[in-house]
Amino acid sequence: MFQDSSFSAWPAALKVSGLGALRVGLVGTGVVGSGTCQLLARNADLIAQRVGRPIRLVMAAARDLHKAAQVVGPDVDLVSDPLALVRHPDIDVVVEVMGGVTLAKTLVLEAIAQGKHVVTANKALLAEHGSEIFAAAQTQGVIVAYEGAVAVSIPIIKALREGLAANRIYEVVGIVNGTTNFILTHMQETGMGFDAALRQATALGFAEADPSFDIEGVDAAHKTALLAAIAFGADVPFAQVHAQGITRVEAWDMVCAQALGYRIKLLGVARQRSESIEVRVHPALVPEKHLLAQVQGSMNGIWVNADAAGPTFHYGAGAGSLTTASAVVADLMDVARLASAGLSARVPYRSVQASAIQSWPLLPIGQVASRHYLRFALHERPELLTCLPGWLQSAGVEVQQWAHVRHPENVRQDALVVLTQSLTGDDLANRLKALPQMQGFAAPAAVWRVEDLNSSAM
């Protein structure tokens, strides 16, 4: 029987190579930083055996040195000035897990200029300034690694760059924010409204005190931009990425979607078209039998469609100290291997010549075609049950599926929900504008996109 020795007990006679330790400087000792310290200490022997040299935390920078001392332990030098750490000659690689953009960008670029490798879990920094950072790393011949910035415990960057390296990637669609997925799952399971579900998520520690980056879709947009850049070898201007959060999702829409065989999820969509790419984040209906619809709570799931491998699915925890640290330390192990072997810089989507970087235009959200879900209120308008399909047809909106959904407690909430044929967002809006002339017509109470995701393949 085949046995992968890298995950079996190491023979006592096996020795770590004579290479010196990889010396790590840590910027940020919060949730991710503390998890990184814990994992490096707990699995130090295993890590050294697997990479052929020790990885040693030698210095950390933090605002509160007393608190940081309890995190990093007695053998780590502490400094309050992160630039002093970045410039210190005894540091081989800088781990940036402090968050934010402005100072983090300064520190990362300075580390690169100093010839140091960088590991970061900062998705906002790379989504907004990745082109500049990776270009600098390419020039200096250093490694920039960021597995922890995208999907926490899911090694999706390695899957795209290594496991699927021989494939053309057609699309990457994922649930990449644990907070919003927890909220939507809670709404689905309990019937709670958004505000109540958000309060529950905050009380249980799944949402930050200020959850705006999560619930408005910004965090997921940062991650989706990075996934698109890796999958398509493209520069993705973050300012052009469409981001819509979950604040307008109603529990009643989740019930209505389920009546049609769908669930509502916050999706990050990166899809290649013939002359452009789509990079967008918004709530969407997903077929309830698709694996993405089964991703519950704070978990993450990413569906990849490629030409040779076909559809693959990647699933794992979407938040947590040690789960993120797992990705950070894995990146450190890659740095230890690649730097010691003298290989060329591992700069994810800048690892090819600049002339080979694709300048794909991003398709504006209004020009993205998909099927759509429309919900119409039936209160005091029963004629819609017989008239609406014809009205929509007259405006060029084909109804492919519909249902009359009765509210179990309040007849005023009864709804007619329809799924349309594929239309661009602009086209649908223009066609619906032609309908107010119909007596009794009112705009739909809710409009969401539908992502069918070739569900038969899963």
Protein backbone atom coordinates (compact mmCIF):
# COMPACT_ATOMS: atom_id res chain seq x y z
CA MET A 1 0.00 0.00 0.00
CA PHE A 2 1.31 3.46 -0.93
CA GLN A 3 2.17 5.62 2.05
CA ASP A 4 2.93 9.33 1.84
CA SER A 5 5.90 9.62 4.19
CA SER A 6 5.45 13.36 4.53
CA PHE A 7 2.45 12.69 6.76
CA SER A 8 3.66 9.59 8.57
CA ALA A 9 5.82 9.35 11.65
CA TRP A 10 9.35 10.47 10.84
CA PRO A 11 12.11 7.89 11.37
CA ALA A 12 14.34 8.70 14.30
CA ALA A 13 17.41 8.54 12.05
CA LEU A 14 16.11 11.19 9.67
CA LYS A 15 17.88 14.49 10.26
CA VAL A 16 16.99 18.03 9.28
CA SER A 17 19.42 19.41 6.71
CA GLY A 18 22.22 21.68 7.83
CA LEU A 19 20.49 24.81 6.53
CA GLY A 20 20.06 27.57 9.07
CA ALA A 21 16.68 28.50 10.44
CA LEU A 22 14.36 30.70 8.40
CA ARG A 23 14.13 33.80 10.61
CA VAL A 24 10.67 35.30 10.79
CA GLY A 25 9.55 38.77 11.81
CA LEU A 26 5.87 39.09 12.69
CA VAL A 27 3.92 42.34 12.29
CA GLY A 28 0.64 42.04 14.18
CA THR A 29 -0.05 39.85 17.20
CA GLY A 30 -3.85 39.83 17.13
CA VAL A 31 -6.10 36.92 16.20
CA VAL A 32 -4.11 35.69 13.19
CA GLY A 33 -0.73 36.61 14.67
CA SER A 34 -1.39 34.75 17.90
CA GLY A 35 -2.54 31.69 15.96
CA THR A 36 0.62 31.82 13.86
CA CYS A 37 2.80 31.94 16.99
CA GLN A 38 0.90 29.03 18.51
CA LEU A 39 1.15 26.85 15.41
CA LEU A 40 4.86 27.56 14.84
CA ALA A 41 5.61 26.58 18.43
CA ARG A 42 3.31 23.56 18.63
CA ASN A 43 4.42 21.93 15.38
CA ALA A 44 8.02 23.18 15.26
CA ASP A 45 9.61 19.72 14.88
CA LEU A 46 7.15 18.55 12.24
CA ILE A 47 7.56 21.79 10.25
CA ALA A 48 11.37 21.52 10.36
CA GLN A 49 11.29 17.93 9.18
CA ARG A 50 8.95 18.68 6.29
CA VAL A 51 10.88 21.66 4.91
CA GLY A 52 14.40 20.55 5.84
CA ARG A 53 15.16 23.51 8.10
CA PRO A 54 13.67 25.14 11.20
CA ILE A 55 11.31 28.11 10.94
CA ARG A 56 11.87 30.37 13.90
CA LEU A 57 9.99 33.45 15.03
CA VAL A 58 12.71 35.84 16.19
CA MET A 59 11.00 39.25 16.33
CA ALA A 60 7.51 40.73 16.54
CA ALA A 61 6.12 44.26 16.29
CA ALA A 62 3.03 45.33 18.21
CA ARG A 63 1.44 48.40 19.74
CA ASP A 64 0.94 46.79 23.16
CA LEU A 65 4.24 45.11 23.99
CA HIS A 66 3.03 43.73 27.32
CA LYS A 67 0.09 41.99 25.70
CA ALA A 68 2.24 40.83 22.79
CA ALA A 69 4.77 39.25 25.16
CA GLN A 70 2.06 36.88 26.36
CA VAL A 71 1.43 35.84 22.76
CA VAL A 72 4.92 35.37 21.32
CA GLY A 73 6.75 33.94 24.33
CA PRO A 74 10.02 34.89 26.09
CA ASP A 75 12.49 34.12 23.27
CA VAL A 76 11.12 36.60 20.76
CA ASP A 77 12.37 40.19 20.58
CA LEU A 78 9.58 42.76 20.71
CA VAL A 79 9.59 46.19 19.06
CA SER A 80 6.96 48.88 18.83
CA ASP A 81 8.22 50.21 15.48
CA PRO A 82 7.32 47.82 12.63
CA LEU A 83 9.73 49.57 10.25
CA ALA A 84 12.59 48.67 12.59
CA LEU A 85 11.55 45.03 12.29
CA VAL A 86 11.25 45.20 8.51
CA ARG A 87 14.74 46.72 8.20
CA HIS A 88 16.43 44.45 10.74
CA PRO A 89 19.26 42.45 9.12
CA ASP A 90 18.43 39.28 11.04
CA ILE A 91 14.96 38.89 9.48
CA ASP A 92 14.60 36.70 6.37
CA VAL A 93 10.84 36.92 5.91
CA VAL A 94 8.21 39.38 7.14
CA VAL A 95 4.77 38.10 8.08
CA GLU A 96 2.23 40.93 7.84
CA VAL A 97 -1.06 40.16 9.62
CA MET A 98 -1.81 43.60 11.08
CA GLY A 99 -4.57 44.43 8.59
CA GLY A 100 -5.38 47.80 7.11
CA VAL A 101 -3.92 49.15 3.89
CA THR A 102 -1.84 52.32 4.22
CA LEU A 103 0.78 51.29 6.78
CA ALA A 104 0.69 47.67 5.63
CA LYS A 105 1.54 48.77 2.06
CA THR A 106 4.48 50.85 3.32
CA LEU A 107 5.82 47.93 5.37
CA VAL A 108 5.42 45.33 2.63
CA LEU A 109 7.08 47.48 -0.03
CA GLU A 110 9.92 48.30 2.37
CA ALA A 111 10.40 44.62 3.19
CA ILE A 112 10.61 43.85 -0.54
CA ALA A 113 13.06 46.71 -1.07
CA GLN A 114 15.18 45.23 1.73
CA GLY A 115 15.27 41.92 -0.15
CA LYS A 116 13.02 40.11 2.33
CA HIS A 117 10.29 37.65 1.47
CA VAL A 118 6.74 38.51 2.53
CA VAL A 119 3.83 36.41 3.77
CA THR A 120 0.54 38.26 4.26
CA ALA A 121 -3.11 37.50 4.97
CA ASN A 122 -4.16 41.02 3.94
CA LYS A 123 -6.69 40.65 1.14
CA ALA A 124 -7.55 44.38 1.00
CA LEU A 125 -3.90 45.32 0.54
CA LEU A 126 -3.36 42.90 -2.34
CA ALA A 127 -6.69 43.50 -4.05
CA GLU A 128 -6.10 47.25 -4.09
CA HIS A 129 -2.30 47.42 -4.53
CA GLY A 130 -1.30 43.95 -5.69
CA SER A 131 0.03 45.05 -9.08
CA GLU A 132 2.53 47.42 -7.48
CA ILE A 133 3.54 44.93 -4.78
CA PHE A 134 4.02 41.97 -7.13
CA ALA A 135 5.93 44.09 -9.64
CA ALA A 136 8.31 45.18 -6.88
CA ALA A 137 8.72 41.58 -5.74
CA GLN A 138 9.46 40.50 -9.31
CA THR A 139 12.17 43.14 -9.59
CA GLN A 140 13.77 42.19 -6.26
CA GLY A 141 13.46 38.45 -6.83
CA VAL A 142 11.63 37.80 -3.56
CA ILE A 143 8.58 35.75 -2.69
CA VAL A 144 5.16 37.18 -1.88
CA ALA A 145 2.79 34.50 -0.55
CA TYR A 146 -0.79 35.06 0.58
CA GLU A 147 -2.78 31.84 0.88
CA GLY A 148 -4.35 33.10 4.12
CA ALA A 149 -5.79 36.16 2.38
CA VAL A 150 -8.39 34.38 0.28
CA ALA A 151 -10.18 31.40 1.78
CA VAL A 152 -8.53 30.82 5.17
CA SER A 153 -8.26 27.04 5.58
CA ILE A 154 -8.89 26.22 1.89
CA PRO A 155 -5.61 26.08 -0.08
CA ILE A 156 -7.30 27.51 -3.15
CA ILE A 157 -4.29 29.46 -4.42
CA LYS A 158 -2.20 26.29 -4.54
CA ALA A 159 -5.09 24.45 -6.17
CA LEU A 160 -5.36 27.06 -8.95
CA ARG A 161 -1.64 27.63 -9.48
CA GLU A 162 -0.39 24.09 -9.00
CA GLY A 163 -3.07 21.39 -9.00
CA LEU A 164 -4.93 22.96 -11.94
CA ALA A 165 -1.89 24.49 -13.60
CA ALA A 166 -2.44 22.59 -16.88
CA ASN A 167 -6.03 23.82 -17.19
CA ARG A 168 -7.77 26.79 -18.67
CA ILE A 169 -9.95 28.08 -15.85
CA TYR A 170 -13.40 29.11 -17.06
CA GLU A 171 -14.93 30.26 -13.79
CA VAL A 172 -14.38 30.42 -10.06
CA VAL A 173 -17.50 30.91 -7.95
CA GLY A 174 -17.37 30.89 -4.19
CA ILE A 175 -18.78 31.61 -0.78
CA VAL A 176 -15.72 33.34 0.66
CA ASN A 177 -17.03 35.28 3.65
CA GLY A 178 -17.92 33.31 6.77
CA THR A 179 -19.81 36.13 8.49
CA THR A 180 -22.35 36.66 5.73
CA ASN A 181 -22.78 32.94 5.17
CA PHE A 182 -23.52 32.49 8.87
CA ILE A 183 -26.14 35.26 8.72
CA LEU A 184 -27.83 33.90 5.59
CA THR A 185 -27.82 30.36 7.01
CA HIS A 186 -29.42 31.63 10.22
CA MET A 187 -32.07 33.49 8.24
CA GLN A 188 -32.77 30.37 6.17
CA GLU A 189 -33.05 28.05 9.17
CA THR A 190 -34.95 30.29 11.61
CA GLY A 191 -36.92 32.73 9.45
CA MET A 192 -35.17 35.59 11.25
CA GLY A 193 -34.82 38.93 9.48
CA PHE A 194 -31.42 40.33 8.55
CA ASP A 195 -31.08 42.69 11.52
CA ALA A 196 -31.89 39.99 14.08
CA ALA A 197 -29.55 37.50 12.39
CA LEU A 198 -26.74 40.07 12.40
CA ARG A 199 -27.23 40.67 16.13
CA GLN A 200 -27.06 36.92 16.70
CA ALA A 201 -23.87 36.66 14.63
CA THR A 202 -22.29 39.49 16.63
CA ALA A 203 -23.27 37.93 19.96
CA LEU A 204 -21.73 34.59 18.94
CA GLY A 205 -18.51 36.19 17.69
CA PHE A 206 -19.11 35.54 13.98
CA ALA A 207 -19.40 39.26 13.17
CA GLU A 208 -17.11 42.16 14.09
CA ALA A 209 -18.33 45.13 16.12
CA ASP A 210 -18.27 47.01 12.79
CA PRO A 211 -19.38 44.37 10.26
CA SER A 212 -19.72 46.74 7.29
CA PHE A 213 -16.86 45.26 5.21
CA ASP A 214 -18.48 41.84 5.52
CA ILE A 215 -22.18 42.61 5.12
CA GLU A 216 -21.63 45.11 2.29
CA GLY A 217 -19.66 42.53 0.28
CA VAL A 218 -16.31 44.39 0.32
CA ASP A 219 -14.35 41.58 2.00
CA ALA A 220 -15.72 39.03 -0.47
CA ALA A 221 -14.93 41.41 -3.36
CA HIS A 222 -11.29 41.69 -2.25
CA LYS A 223 -10.99 37.89 -2.22
CA THR A 224 -12.82 37.44 -5.52
CA ALA A 225 -10.53 39.96 -7.23
CA LEU A 226 -7.51 37.94 -6.07
CA LEU A 227 -9.08 34.69 -7.28
CA ALA A 228 -9.77 36.23 -10.69
CA ALA A 229 -6.21 37.50 -10.97
CA ILE A 230 -4.78 34.05 -10.24
CA ALA A 231 -7.28 32.08 -12.33
CA PHE A 232 -7.03 34.23 -15.45
CA GLY A 233 -3.52 35.72 -15.16
CA ALA A 234 -5.09 39.16 -15.22
CA ASP A 235 -4.74 42.53 -13.59
CA VAL A 236 -8.06 43.23 -11.88
CA PRO A 237 -8.72 46.91 -11.04
CA PHE A 238 -10.51 46.60 -7.72
CA ALA A 239 -12.42 49.86 -8.24
CA GLN A 240 -14.25 48.16 -11.13
CA VAL A 241 -15.32 45.10 -9.14
CA HIS A 242 -19.06 45.13 -8.42
CA ALA A 243 -19.82 44.53 -4.73
CA GLN A 244 -23.32 44.24 -3.28
CA GLY A 245 -23.87 42.93 0.23
CA ILE A 246 -26.71 41.12 1.97
CA THR A 247 -28.42 43.98 3.84
CA ARG A 248 -31.41 43.94 1.46
CA VAL A 249 -31.96 40.17 1.53
CA GLU A 250 -35.28 39.36 3.22
CA ALA A 251 -36.10 36.11 4.97
CA TRP A 252 -39.27 35.92 2.86
CA ASP A 253 -37.17 35.87 -0.31
CA MET A 254 -35.31 32.88 1.08
CA VAL A 255 -38.64 31.08 1.54
CA CYS A 256 -39.78 32.04 -1.95
CA ALA A 257 -36.48 30.96 -3.50
CA GLN A 258 -36.74 27.61 -1.76
CA ALA A 259 -40.21 27.14 -3.27
CA LEU A 260 -38.49 27.26 -6.66
CA GLY A 261 -35.71 24.87 -5.60
CA TYR A 262 -33.04 27.46 -4.77
CA ARG A 263 -31.17 28.99 -1.84
CA ILE A 264 -29.79 32.51 -1.57
CA LYS A 265 -26.03 32.84 -1.00
CA LEU A 266 -23.55 35.71 -1.20
CA LEU A 267 -21.38 34.67 -4.14
CA GLY A 268 -18.07 35.90 -5.47
CA VAL A 269 -18.09 35.24 -9.22
CA ALA A 270 -15.02 35.33 -11.47
CA ARG A 271 -15.84 34.19 -14.99
CA GLN A 272 -13.95 34.49 -18.26
CA ARG A 273 -15.77 35.56 -21.39
CA SER A 274 -14.41 35.69 -24.94
CA GLU A 275 -13.14 39.26 -24.68
CA SER A 276 -13.70 40.21 -21.05
CA ILE A 277 -14.00 38.85 -17.53
CA GLU A 278 -16.73 39.14 -14.93
CA VAL A 279 -15.65 39.87 -11.37
CA ARG A 280 -18.61 40.53 -9.09
CA VAL A 281 -20.04 39.89 -5.62
CA HIS A 282 -23.76 39.86 -4.82
CA PRO A 283 -26.51 37.67 -3.36
CA ALA A 284 -27.74 35.10 -5.86
CA LEU A 285 -30.01 32.10 -6.10
CA VAL A 286 -28.12 28.78 -6.24
CA PRO A 287 -29.81 25.43 -7.03
CA GLU A 288 -30.43 23.74 -3.68
CA LYS A 289 -28.81 20.51 -4.90
CA HIS A 290 -25.57 22.24 -5.86
CA LEU A 291 -22.71 21.81 -3.38
CA LEU A 292 -22.43 25.58 -2.89
CA ALA A 293 -26.00 25.63 -1.58
CA GLN A 294 -24.94 23.11 1.08
CA VAL A 295 -22.22 25.38 2.52
CA GLN A 296 -23.71 26.37 5.87
CA GLY A 297 -22.77 28.47 8.88
CA SER A 298 -19.41 30.21 8.73
CA MET A 299 -17.91 27.69 6.30
CA ASN A 300 -16.51 28.64 2.88
CA GLY A 301 -16.86 26.79 -0.42
CA ILE A 302 -15.33 27.45 -3.84
CA TRP A 303 -16.43 25.86 -7.12
CA VAL A 304 -13.93 25.87 -10.00
CA ASN A 305 -14.73 24.92 -13.59
CA ALA A 306 -11.76 24.07 -15.83
CA ASP A 307 -11.35 22.62 -19.31
CA ALA A 308 -9.52 19.39 -18.44
CA ALA A 309 -10.31 18.74 -14.79
CA GLY A 310 -13.92 19.84 -15.16
CA PRO A 311 -15.73 21.06 -12.03
CA THR A 312 -13.93 20.78 -8.68
CA PHE A 313 -15.17 21.84 -5.26
CA HIS A 314 -13.10 23.14 -2.33
CA TYR A 315 -14.56 23.41 1.18
CA GLY A 316 -13.28 24.52 4.57
CA ALA A 317 -13.55 26.82 7.57
CA GLY A 318 -14.07 30.48 6.73
CA ALA A 319 -12.71 32.10 9.86
CA GLY A 320 -10.62 31.50 12.94
CA SER A 321 -7.22 32.08 14.47
CA LEU A 322 -5.62 28.67 13.84
CA THR A 323 -7.41 28.10 10.52
CA THR A 324 -5.88 31.28 9.09
CA ALA A 325 -2.58 30.51 10.78
CA SER A 326 -2.57 27.16 8.98
CA ALA A 327 -2.41 29.01 5.66
CA VAL A 328 0.15 31.54 6.91
CA VAL A 329 2.51 28.85 8.20
CA ALA A 330 2.07 26.80 5.01
CA ASP A 331 3.23 29.88 3.08
CA LEU A 332 6.24 30.18 5.40
CA MET A 333 7.07 26.56 4.69
CA ASP A 334 6.94 27.27 0.94
CA VAL A 335 9.26 30.23 1.44
CA ALA A 336 11.65 28.02 3.41
CA ARG A 337 11.71 25.44 0.62
CA LEU A 338 11.90 27.78 -2.34
CA ALA A 339 14.33 30.30 -0.89
CA SER A 340 16.75 27.61 0.23
CA ALA A 341 16.56 25.89 -3.17
CA GLY A 342 17.40 29.13 -4.94
CA LEU A 343 14.31 29.01 -7.14
CA SER A 344 12.84 32.04 -8.84
CA ALA A 345 10.44 34.26 -6.97
CA ARG A 346 7.02 32.78 -6.29
CA VAL A 347 4.90 35.80 -7.10
CA PRO A 348 1.42 34.45 -7.82
CA TYR A 349 0.03 36.31 -10.79
CA ARG A 350 3.26 38.17 -11.49
CA SER A 351 5.22 34.95 -11.90
CA VAL A 352 5.07 35.36 -15.67
CA GLN A 353 6.62 38.06 -17.79
CA ALA A 354 4.81 41.36 -17.70
CA SER A 355 4.06 41.07 -21.42
CA ALA A 356 2.06 37.91 -20.72
CA ILE A 357 -0.24 39.52 -18.14
CA GLN A 358 -3.69 39.78 -19.66
CA SER A 359 -5.42 43.15 -19.66
CA TRP A 360 -8.94 41.79 -19.73
CA PRO A 361 -11.61 44.50 -19.47
CA LEU A 362 -14.06 43.93 -16.63
CA LEU A 363 -17.63 43.55 -17.81
CA PRO A 364 -19.86 46.14 -16.08
CA ILE A 365 -22.51 44.52 -13.90
CA GLY A 366 -25.31 45.91 -16.05
CA GLN A 367 -23.93 44.01 -19.06
CA VAL A 368 -23.65 40.69 -17.23
CA ALA A 369 -26.30 38.25 -18.45
CA SER A 370 -28.01 35.76 -16.14
CA ARG A 371 -31.42 34.46 -15.28
CA HIS A 372 -33.25 36.58 -12.73
CA TYR A 373 -35.59 36.01 -9.79
CA LEU A 374 -38.46 38.50 -9.48
CA ARG A 375 -40.84 38.66 -6.52
CA PHE A 376 -44.16 40.47 -6.86
CA ALA A 377 -46.43 41.27 -3.91
CA LEU A 378 -49.95 39.92 -4.40
CA HIS A 379 -51.69 41.89 -1.62
CA GLU A 380 -54.94 43.27 -3.06
CA ARG A 381 -53.69 42.39 -6.58
CA PRO A 382 -54.88 38.82 -7.24
CA GLU A 383 -55.15 39.60 -10.97
CA LEU A 384 -51.35 39.34 -11.18
CA LEU A 385 -51.66 35.54 -10.97
CA THR A 386 -53.33 35.46 -14.35
CA CYS A 387 -52.09 38.68 -15.97
CA LEU A 388 -48.44 39.01 -14.98
CA PRO A 389 -46.94 36.23 -17.13
CA GLY A 390 -48.60 37.73 -20.20
CA TRP A 391 -47.50 41.24 -19.29
CA LEU A 392 -43.91 40.11 -18.87
CA GLN A 393 -44.05 38.19 -22.14
CA SER A 394 -45.33 41.30 -23.94
CA ALA A 395 -42.28 43.19 -22.67
CA GLY A 396 -39.92 40.47 -23.91
CA VAL A 397 -39.31 38.86 -20.49
CA GLU A 398 -39.82 35.11 -20.80
CA VAL A 399 -41.01 33.38 -17.62
CA GLN A 400 -39.26 30.02 -17.29
CA GLN A 401 -40.57 29.08 -13.84
CA TRP A 402 -43.04 30.59 -11.41
CA ALA A 403 -44.77 29.88 -8.11
CA HIS A 404 -47.54 31.34 -5.97
CA VAL A 405 -46.04 31.33 -2.47
CA ARG A 406 -48.50 31.71 0.39
CA HIS A 407 -47.27 33.15 3.66
CA PRO A 408 -48.13 30.80 6.57
CA GLU A 409 -49.17 33.62 8.89
CA ASN A 410 -49.86 36.80 6.91
CA VAL A 411 -51.82 36.78 3.66
CA ARG A 412 -50.50 40.29 2.96
CA GLN A 413 -47.09 38.69 2.32
CA ASP A 414 -48.30 36.28 -0.37
CA ALA A 415 -46.07 36.50 -3.44
CA LEU A 416 -45.82 35.56 -7.07
CA VAL A 417 -42.20 34.67 -7.85
CA VAL A 418 -40.81 34.05 -11.31
CA LEU A 419 -37.51 33.03 -12.86
CA THR A 420 -36.80 34.71 -16.20
CA GLN A 421 -34.69 33.73 -19.17
CA SER A 422 -31.11 34.99 -19.29
CA LEU A 423 -30.97 38.77 -19.70
CA THR A 424 -28.39 41.41 -18.90
CA GLY A 425 -29.22 43.54 -15.89
CA ASP A 426 -29.63 46.61 -18.08
CA ASP A 427 -31.85 44.75 -20.54
CA LEU A 428 -34.13 43.47 -17.78
CA ALA A 429 -34.44 46.94 -16.23
CA ASN A 430 -35.31 48.49 -19.60
CA ARG A 431 -37.93 45.84 -20.36
CA LEU A 432 -39.56 46.24 -16.95
CA LYS A 433 -39.79 49.99 -17.54
CA ALA A 434 -42.22 49.27 -20.38
CA LEU A 435 -44.70 47.63 -18.00
CA PRO A 436 -46.13 50.45 -15.82
CA GLN A 437 -48.59 51.19 -18.61
CA MET A 438 -50.28 47.88 -17.75
CA GLN A 439 -53.15 48.48 -15.35
CA GLY A 440 -52.31 47.30 -11.87
CA PHE A 441 -48.62 46.65 -12.60
CA ALA A 442 -46.06 47.56 -9.94
CA ALA A 443 -42.31 46.99 -9.93
CA PRO A 444 -41.12 43.73 -8.38
CA ALA A 445 -40.54 43.84 -4.64
CA ALA A 446 -37.21 42.06 -5.07
CA VAL A 447 -34.84 41.25 -7.95
CA TRP A 448 -31.91 38.84 -7.57
CA ARG A 449 -29.67 37.06 -10.04
CA VAL A 450 -29.69 33.30 -10.50
CA GLU A 451 -26.42 31.33 -10.83
CA ASP A 452 -27.20 27.83 -12.10
CA LEU A 453 -23.48 26.84 -12.19
CA ASN A 454 -23.91 23.83 -14.47
CA SER A 455 -25.47 22.06 -11.51
CA SER A 456 -25.91 18.83 -13.45
CA ALA A 457 -22.13 18.41 -13.40
CA MET A 458 -22.10 18.29 -9.62
